[in-house]
PDB file of all heavy atoms in Angstrom:
ATOM      1  N   PRO A   1      46.065 -17.604 -83.883  1.00  0.00           N
ATOM      2  CA  PRO A   1      44.749 -18.004 -83.353  1.00  0.00           C
ATOM      3  C   PRO A   1      44.357 -19.406 -83.834  1.00  0.00           C
ATOM      4  O   PRO A   1      44.724 -19.829 -84.929  1.00  0.00           O
ATOM      5  CB  PRO A   1      43.801 -16.943 -83.929  1.00  0.00           C
ATOM      6  CG  PRO A   1      44.671 -15.792 -84.292  1.00  0.00           C
ATOM      7  CD  PRO A   1      45.997 -16.360 -84.682  1.00  0.00           C
ATOM      8  N   MET A   2      43.603 -20.107 -83.003  1.00  0.00           N
ATOM      9  CA  MET A   2      43.213 -21.475 -83.350  1.00  0.00           C
ATOM     10  C   MET A   2      42.390 -21.528 -84.637  1.00  0.00           C
ATOM     11  O   MET A   2      42.480 -22.491 -85.394  1.00  0.00           O
ATOM     12  CB  MET A   2      42.416 -22.104 -82.205  1.00  0.00           C
ATOM     13  CG  MET A   2      43.280 -22.678 -81.095  1.00  0.00           C
ATOM     14  SD  MET A   2      44.533 -23.868 -81.661  1.00  0.00           S
ATOM     15  CE  MET A   2      43.499 -25.071 -82.509  1.00  0.00           C
ATOM     16  N   SER A   3      41.580 -20.523 -84.889  1.00  0.00           N
ATOM     17  CA  SER A   3      40.791 -20.522 -86.121  1.00  0.00           C
ATOM     18  C   SER A   3      41.697 -20.557 -87.340  1.00  0.00           C
ATOM     19  O   SER A   3      41.423 -21.267 -88.323  1.00  0.00           O
ATOM     20  CB  SER A   3      39.890 -19.284 -86.169  1.00  0.00           C
ATOM     21  OG  SER A   3      40.662 -18.087 -86.091  1.00  0.00           O
ATOM     22  N   ALA A   4      42.806 -19.817 -87.275  1.00  0.00           N
ATOM     23  CA  ALA A   4      43.763 -19.808 -88.388  1.00  0.00           C
ATOM     24  C   ALA A   4      44.534 -21.129 -88.446  1.00  0.00           C
ATOM     25  O   ALA A   4      44.809 -21.647 -89.538  1.00  0.00           O
ATOM     26  CB  ALA A   4      44.725 -18.635 -88.237  1.00  0.00           C
ATOM     27  N   ILE A   5      44.893 -21.676 -87.283  1.00  0.00           N
ATOM     28  CA  ILE A   5      45.581 -22.974 -87.236  1.00  0.00           C
ATOM     29  C   ILE A   5      44.749 -24.030 -87.954  1.00  0.00           C
ATOM     30  O   ILE A   5      45.246 -24.787 -88.801  1.00  0.00           O
ATOM     31  CB  ILE A   5      45.817 -23.401 -85.773  1.00  0.00           C
ATOM     32  CG1 ILE A   5      46.795 -22.458 -85.072  1.00  0.00           C
ATOM     33  CG2 ILE A   5      46.284 -24.862 -85.700  1.00  0.00           C
ATOM     34  CD1 ILE A   5      48.237 -22.682 -85.368  1.00  0.00           C
ATOM     35  N   ASN A   6      43.468 -24.111 -87.621  1.00  0.00           N
ATOM     36  CA  ASN A   6      42.596 -25.114 -88.228  1.00  0.00           C
ATOM     37  C   ASN A   6      42.461 -24.889 -89.728  1.00  0.00           C
ATOM     38  O   ASN A   6      42.432 -25.857 -90.519  1.00  0.00           O
ATOM     39  CB  ASN A   6      41.212 -25.071 -87.569  1.00  0.00           C
ATOM     40  CG  ASN A   6      41.252 -25.555 -86.130  1.00  0.00           C
ATOM     41  OD1 ASN A   6      42.075 -26.383 -85.764  1.00  0.00           O
ATOM     42  ND2 ASN A   6      40.372 -25.018 -85.296  1.00  0.00           N
ATOM     43  N   ARG A   7      42.385 -23.644 -90.132  1.00  0.00           N
ATOM     44  CA  ARG A   7      42.219 -23.328 -91.552  1.00  0.00           C
ATOM     45  C   ARG A   7      43.450 -23.763 -92.360  1.00  0.00           C
ATOM     46  O   ARG A   7      43.326 -24.365 -93.430  1.00  0.00           O
ATOM     47  CB  ARG A   7      41.969 -21.831 -91.720  1.00  0.00           C
ATOM     48  CG  ARG A   7      41.609 -21.416 -93.147  1.00  0.00           C
ATOM     49  CD  ARG A   7      41.053 -20.008 -93.177  1.00  0.00           C
ATOM     50  NE  ARG A   7      42.059 -19.013 -92.804  1.00  0.00           N
ATOM     51  CZ  ARG A   7      42.039 -18.308 -91.683  1.00  0.00           C
ATOM     52  NH1 ARG A   7      41.072 -18.485 -90.796  1.00  0.00           N
ATOM     53  NH2 ARG A   7      42.978 -17.408 -91.419  1.00  0.00           N
ATOM     54  N   VAL A   8      44.637 -23.473 -91.838  1.00  0.00           N
ATOM     55  CA  VAL A   8      45.863 -23.837 -92.549  1.00  0.00           C
ATOM     56  C   VAL A   8      46.058 -25.349 -92.558  1.00  0.00           C
ATOM     57  O   VAL A   8      46.499 -25.925 -93.553  1.00  0.00           O
ATOM     58  CB  VAL A   8      47.083 -23.129 -91.928  1.00  0.00           C
ATOM     59  CG1 VAL A   8      48.361 -23.532 -92.661  1.00  0.00           C
ATOM     60  CG2 VAL A   8      46.914 -21.619 -91.992  1.00  0.00           C
ATOM     61  N   ASN A   9      45.730 -26.016 -91.463  1.00  0.00           N
ATOM     62  CA  ASN A   9      45.871 -27.475 -91.419  1.00  0.00           C
ATOM     63  C   ASN A   9      45.026 -28.160 -92.498  1.00  0.00           C
ATOM     64  O   ASN A   9      45.431 -29.179 -93.067  1.00  0.00           O
ATOM     65  CB  ASN A   9      45.482 -28.011 -90.042  1.00  0.00           C
ATOM     66  CG  ASN A   9      46.615 -27.879 -89.033  1.00  0.00           C
ATOM     67  OD1 ASN A   9      47.777 -27.688 -89.410  1.00  0.00           O
ATOM     68  ND2 ASN A   9      46.297 -27.970 -87.756  1.00  0.00           N
ATOM     69  N   LYS A  10      43.849 -27.604 -92.767  1.00  0.00           N
ATOM     70  CA  LYS A  10      42.989 -28.195 -93.800  1.00  0.00           C
ATOM     71  C   LYS A  10      43.613 -28.088 -95.183  1.00  0.00           C
ATOM     72  O   LYS A  10      43.369 -28.918 -96.057  1.00  0.00           O
ATOM     73  CB  LYS A  10      41.621 -27.511 -93.787  1.00  0.00           C
ATOM     74  CG  LYS A  10      40.769 -27.870 -92.582  1.00  0.00           C
ATOM     75  CD  LYS A  10      39.422 -27.165 -92.620  1.00  0.00           C
ATOM     76  CE  LYS A  10      38.576 -27.522 -91.404  1.00  0.00           C
ATOM     77  NZ  LYS A  10      37.268 -26.800 -91.398  1.00  0.00           N
ATOM     78  N   VAL A  11      44.435 -27.063 -95.376  1.00  0.00           N
ATOM     79  CA  VAL A  11      45.119 -26.888 -96.655  1.00  0.00           C
ATOM     80  C   VAL A  11      46.376 -27.751 -96.734  1.00  0.00           C
ATOM     81  O   VAL A  11      46.639 -28.411 -97.741  1.00  0.00           O
ATOM     82  CB  VAL A  11      45.485 -25.402 -96.872  1.00  0.00           C
ATOM     83  CG1 VAL A  11      46.360 -25.226 -98.105  1.00  0.00           C
ATOM     84  CG2 VAL A  11      44.227 -24.557 -96.999  1.00  0.00           C
ATOM     85  N   LEU A  12      47.158 -27.762 -95.652  1.00  0.00           N
ATOM     86  CA  LEU A  12      48.445 -28.452 -95.683  1.00  0.00           C
ATOM     87  C   LEU A  12      48.318 -29.964 -95.538  1.00  0.00           C
ATOM     88  O   LEU A  12      49.167 -30.699 -96.049  1.00  0.00           O
ATOM     89  CB  LEU A  12      49.351 -27.913 -94.571  1.00  0.00           C
ATOM     90  CG  LEU A  12      49.777 -26.447 -94.689  1.00  0.00           C
ATOM     91  CD1 LEU A  12      50.760 -26.099 -93.574  1.00  0.00           C
ATOM     92  CD2 LEU A  12      50.390 -26.155 -96.049  1.00  0.00           C
ATOM     93  N   GLY A  13      47.286 -30.440 -94.849  1.00  0.00           N
ATOM     94  CA  GLY A  13      47.134 -31.885 -94.658  1.00  0.00           C
ATOM     95  C   GLY A  13      47.147 -32.664 -95.959  1.00  0.00           C
ATOM     96  O   GLY A  13      47.954 -33.599 -96.129  1.00  0.00           O
ATOM     97  N   PRO A  14      46.288 -32.316 -96.931  1.00  0.00           N
ATOM     98  CA  PRO A  14      46.312 -33.029 -98.212  1.00  0.00           C
ATOM     99  C   PRO A  14      47.637 -32.892 -98.963  1.00  0.00           C
ATOM    100  O   PRO A  14      48.056 -33.812 -99.652  1.00  0.00           O
ATOM    101  CB  PRO A  14      45.167 -32.367 -98.993  1.00  0.00           C
ATOM    102  CG  PRO A  14      44.246 -31.842 -97.940  1.00  0.00           C
ATOM    103  CD  PRO A  14      45.144 -31.385 -96.830  1.00  0.00           C
ATOM    104  N   ARG A  15      48.312 -31.760 -98.817  1.00  0.00           N
ATOM    105  CA  ARG A  15      49.610 -31.584 -99.478  1.00  0.00           C
ATOM    106  C   ARG A  15      50.648 -32.542 -98.907  1.00  0.00           C
ATOM    107  O   ARG A  15      51.483 -33.074 -99.630  1.00  0.00           O
ATOM    108  CB  ARG A  15      50.091 -30.133 -99.330  1.00  0.00           C
ATOM    109  CG  ARG A  15      49.210 -29.127-100.061  1.00  0.00           C
ATOM    110  CD  ARG A  15      49.765 -27.724 -99.960  1.00  0.00           C
ATOM    111  NE  ARG A  15      48.836 -26.746-100.529  1.00  0.00           N
ATOM    112  CZ  ARG A  15      49.061 -25.447-100.595  1.00  0.00           C
ATOM    113  NH1 ARG A  15      50.209 -24.956-100.135  1.00  0.00           N
ATOM    114  NH2 ARG A  15      48.161 -24.631-101.121  1.00  0.00           N
ATOM    115  N   PHE A  16      50.579 -32.737 -97.586  1.00  0.00           N
ATOM    116  CA  PHE A  16      51.489 -33.687 -96.946  1.00  0.00           C
ATOM    117  C   PHE A  16      51.257 -35.093 -97.479  1.00  0.00           C
ATOM    118  O   PHE A  16      52.202 -35.805 -97.829  1.00  0.00           O
ATOM    119  CB  PHE A  16      51.284 -33.646 -95.434  1.00  0.00           C
ATOM    120  CG  PHE A  16      51.803 -34.859 -94.707  1.00  0.00           C
ATOM    121  CD1 PHE A  16      53.153 -35.023 -94.483  1.00  0.00           C
ATOM    122  CD2 PHE A  16      50.926 -35.835 -94.269  1.00  0.00           C
ATOM    123  CE1 PHE A  16      53.635 -36.141 -93.830  1.00  0.00           C
ATOM    124  CE2 PHE A  16      51.392 -36.962 -93.611  1.00  0.00           C
ATOM    125  CZ  PHE A  16      52.755 -37.113 -93.392  1.00  0.00           C
ATOM    126  N   ILE A  17      49.993 -35.507 -97.553  1.00  0.00           N
ATOM    127  CA  ILE A  17      49.673 -36.853 -98.026  1.00  0.00           C
ATOM    128  C   ILE A  17      50.130 -37.035 -99.471  1.00  0.00           C
ATOM    129  O   ILE A  17      50.683 -38.074 -99.844  1.00  0.00           O
ATOM    130  CB  ILE A  17      48.155 -37.117 -97.919  1.00  0.00           C
ATOM    131  CG1 ILE A  17      47.713 -37.074 -96.453  1.00  0.00           C
ATOM    132  CG2 ILE A  17      47.802 -38.462 -98.541  1.00  0.00           C
ATOM    133  CD1 ILE A  17      48.387 -38.093 -95.568  1.00  0.00           C
ATOM    134  N   THR A  18      49.935 -36.023-100.307  1.00  0.00           N
ATOM    135  CA  THR A  18      50.360 -36.104-101.701  1.00  0.00           C
ATOM    136  C   THR A  18      51.876 -36.247-101.799  1.00  0.00           C
ATOM    137  O   THR A  18      52.397 -37.076-102.554  1.00  0.00           O
ATOM    138  CB  THR A  18      49.907 -34.856-102.473  1.00  0.00           C
ATOM    139  OG1 THR A  18      48.484 -34.805-102.459  1.00  0.00           O
ATOM    140  CG2 THR A  18      50.400 -34.911-103.915  1.00  0.00           C
ATOM    141  N   LYS A  19      52.599 -35.449-101.005  1.00  0.00           N
ATOM    142  CA  LYS A  19      54.062 -35.507-101.052  1.00  0.00           C
ATOM    143  C   LYS A  19      54.576 -36.880-100.651  1.00  0.00           C
ATOM    144  O   LYS A  19      55.412 -37.467-101.336  1.00  0.00           O
ATOM    145  CB  LYS A  19      54.656 -34.448-100.130  1.00  0.00           C
ATOM    146  CG  LYS A  19      56.187 -34.505-100.049  1.00  0.00           C
ATOM    147  CD  LYS A  19      56.753 -33.420 -99.150  1.00  0.00           C
ATOM    148  CE  LYS A  19      58.269 -33.515 -99.075  1.00  0.00           C
ATOM    149  NZ  LYS A  19      58.858 -32.447 -98.235  1.00  0.00           N
ATOM    150  N   TYR A  20      54.059 -37.420 -99.564  1.00  0.00           N
ATOM    151  CA  TYR A  20      54.583 -38.682 -99.074  1.00  0.00           C
ATOM    152  C   TYR A  20      53.996 -39.873 -99.817  1.00  0.00           C
ATOM    153  O   TYR A  20      54.606 -40.935 -99.873  1.00  0.00           O
ATOM    154  CB  TYR A  20      54.422 -38.764 -97.551  1.00  0.00           C
ATOM    155  CG  TYR A  20      55.470 -37.908 -96.894  1.00  0.00           C
ATOM    156  CD1 TYR A  20      55.264 -36.551 -96.717  1.00  0.00           C
ATOM    157  CD2 TYR A  20      56.704 -38.433 -96.550  1.00  0.00           C
ATOM    158  CE1 TYR A  20      56.251 -35.738 -96.183  1.00  0.00           C
ATOM    159  CE2 TYR A  20      57.700 -37.634 -96.017  1.00  0.00           C
ATOM    160  CZ  TYR A  20      57.465 -36.293 -95.839  1.00  0.00           C
ATOM    161  OH  TYR A  20      58.450 -35.489 -95.337  1.00  0.00           O
ATOM    162  N   GLY A  21      52.824 -39.706-100.416  1.00  0.00           N
ATOM    163  CA  GLY A  21      52.328 -40.735-101.325  1.00  0.00           C
ATOM    164  C   GLY A  21      53.203 -40.847-102.549  1.00  0.00           C
ATOM    165  O   GLY A  21      53.483 -41.936-103.055  1.00  0.00           O
ATOM    166  N   THR A  22      53.675 -39.697-103.033  1.00  0.00           N
ATOM    167  CA  THR A  22      54.599 -39.694-104.167  1.00  0.00           C
ATOM    168  C   THR A  22      55.909 -40.344-103.791  1.00  0.00           C
ATOM    169  O   THR A  22      56.492 -41.107-104.564  1.00  0.00           O
ATOM    170  CB  THR A  22      54.855 -38.244-104.633  1.00  0.00           C
ATOM    171  OG1 THR A  22      53.615 -37.659-105.019  1.00  0.00           O
ATOM    172  CG2 THR A  22      55.810 -38.214-105.811  1.00  0.00           C
ATOM    173  N   LYS A  23      56.396 -40.037-102.605  1.00  0.00           N
ATOM    174  CA  LYS A  23      57.618 -40.671-102.125  1.00  0.00           C
ATOM    175  C   LYS A  23      57.479 -42.183-102.123  1.00  0.00           C
ATOM    176  O   LYS A  23      58.364 -42.915-102.558  1.00  0.00           O
ATOM    177  CB  LYS A  23      57.942 -40.184-100.713  1.00  0.00           C
ATOM    178  CG  LYS A  23      59.171 -40.857-100.071  1.00  0.00           C
ATOM    179  CD  LYS A  23      59.364 -40.339 -98.664  1.00  0.00           C
ATOM    180  CE  LYS A  23      60.642 -40.899 -98.043  1.00  0.00           C
ATOM    181  NZ  LYS A  23      60.570 -42.340 -97.790  1.00  0.00           N
ATOM    182  N   GLN A  24      56.322 -42.653-101.692  1.00  0.00           N
ATOM    183  CA  GLN A  24      56.085 -44.094-101.669  1.00  0.00           C
ATOM    184  C   GLN A  24      56.160 -44.670-103.072  1.00  0.00           C
ATOM    185  O   GLN A  24      56.749 -45.714-103.306  1.00  0.00           O
ATOM    186  CB  GLN A  24      54.723 -44.388-101.040  1.00  0.00           C
ATOM    187  CG  GLN A  24      54.472 -45.843-100.713  1.00  0.00           C
ATOM    188  CD  GLN A  24      53.696 -46.549-101.814  1.00  0.00           C
ATOM    189  OE1 GLN A  24      53.209 -45.921-102.736  1.00  0.00           O
ATOM    190  NE2 GLN A  24      53.601 -47.852-101.709  1.00  0.00           N
ATOM    191  N   GLY A  25      55.593 -43.964-104.032  1.00  0.00           N
ATOM    192  CA  GLY A  25      55.640 -44.431-105.403  1.00  0.00           C
ATOM    193  C   GLY A  25      57.056 -44.495-105.938  1.00  0.00           C
ATOM    194  O   GLY A  25      57.449 -45.450-106.610  1.00  0.00           O
ATOM    195  N   VAL A  26      57.869 -43.498-105.611  1.00  0.00           N
ATOM    196  CA  VAL A  26      59.261 -43.484-106.047  1.00  0.00           C
ATOM    197  C   VAL A  26      60.021 -44.657-105.451  1.00  0.00           C
ATOM    198  O   VAL A  26      60.797 -45.339-106.119  1.00  0.00           O
ATOM    199  CB  VAL A  26      59.937 -42.151-105.653  1.00  0.00           C
ATOM    200  CG1 VAL A  26      61.444 -42.213-105.898  1.00  0.00           C
ATOM    201  CG2 VAL A  26      59.337 -41.003-106.461  1.00  0.00           C
ATOM    202  N   LEU A  27      59.790 -44.928-104.159  1.00  0.00           N
ATOM    203  CA  LEU A  27      60.487 -46.034-103.525  1.00  0.00           C
ATOM    204  C   LEU A  27      60.064 -47.379-104.091  1.00  0.00           C
ATOM    205  O   LEU A  27      60.861 -48.294-104.215  1.00  0.00           O
ATOM    206  CB  LEU A  27      60.257 -45.995-102.009  1.00  0.00           C
ATOM    207  CG  LEU A  27      60.937 -44.835-101.276  1.00  0.00           C
ATOM    208  CD1 LEU A  27      60.589 -44.873 -99.801  1.00  0.00           C
ATOM    209  CD2 LEU A  27      62.444 -44.888-101.460  1.00  0.00           C
TER     210      LEU A  27
END
């Protein structure tokens, strides 16, 4: 359901940014 999609995206979005921000730091 879209309600669940939106809820999970709010959790995973910041995790994605943290992961790839860290990658940037490593590079």
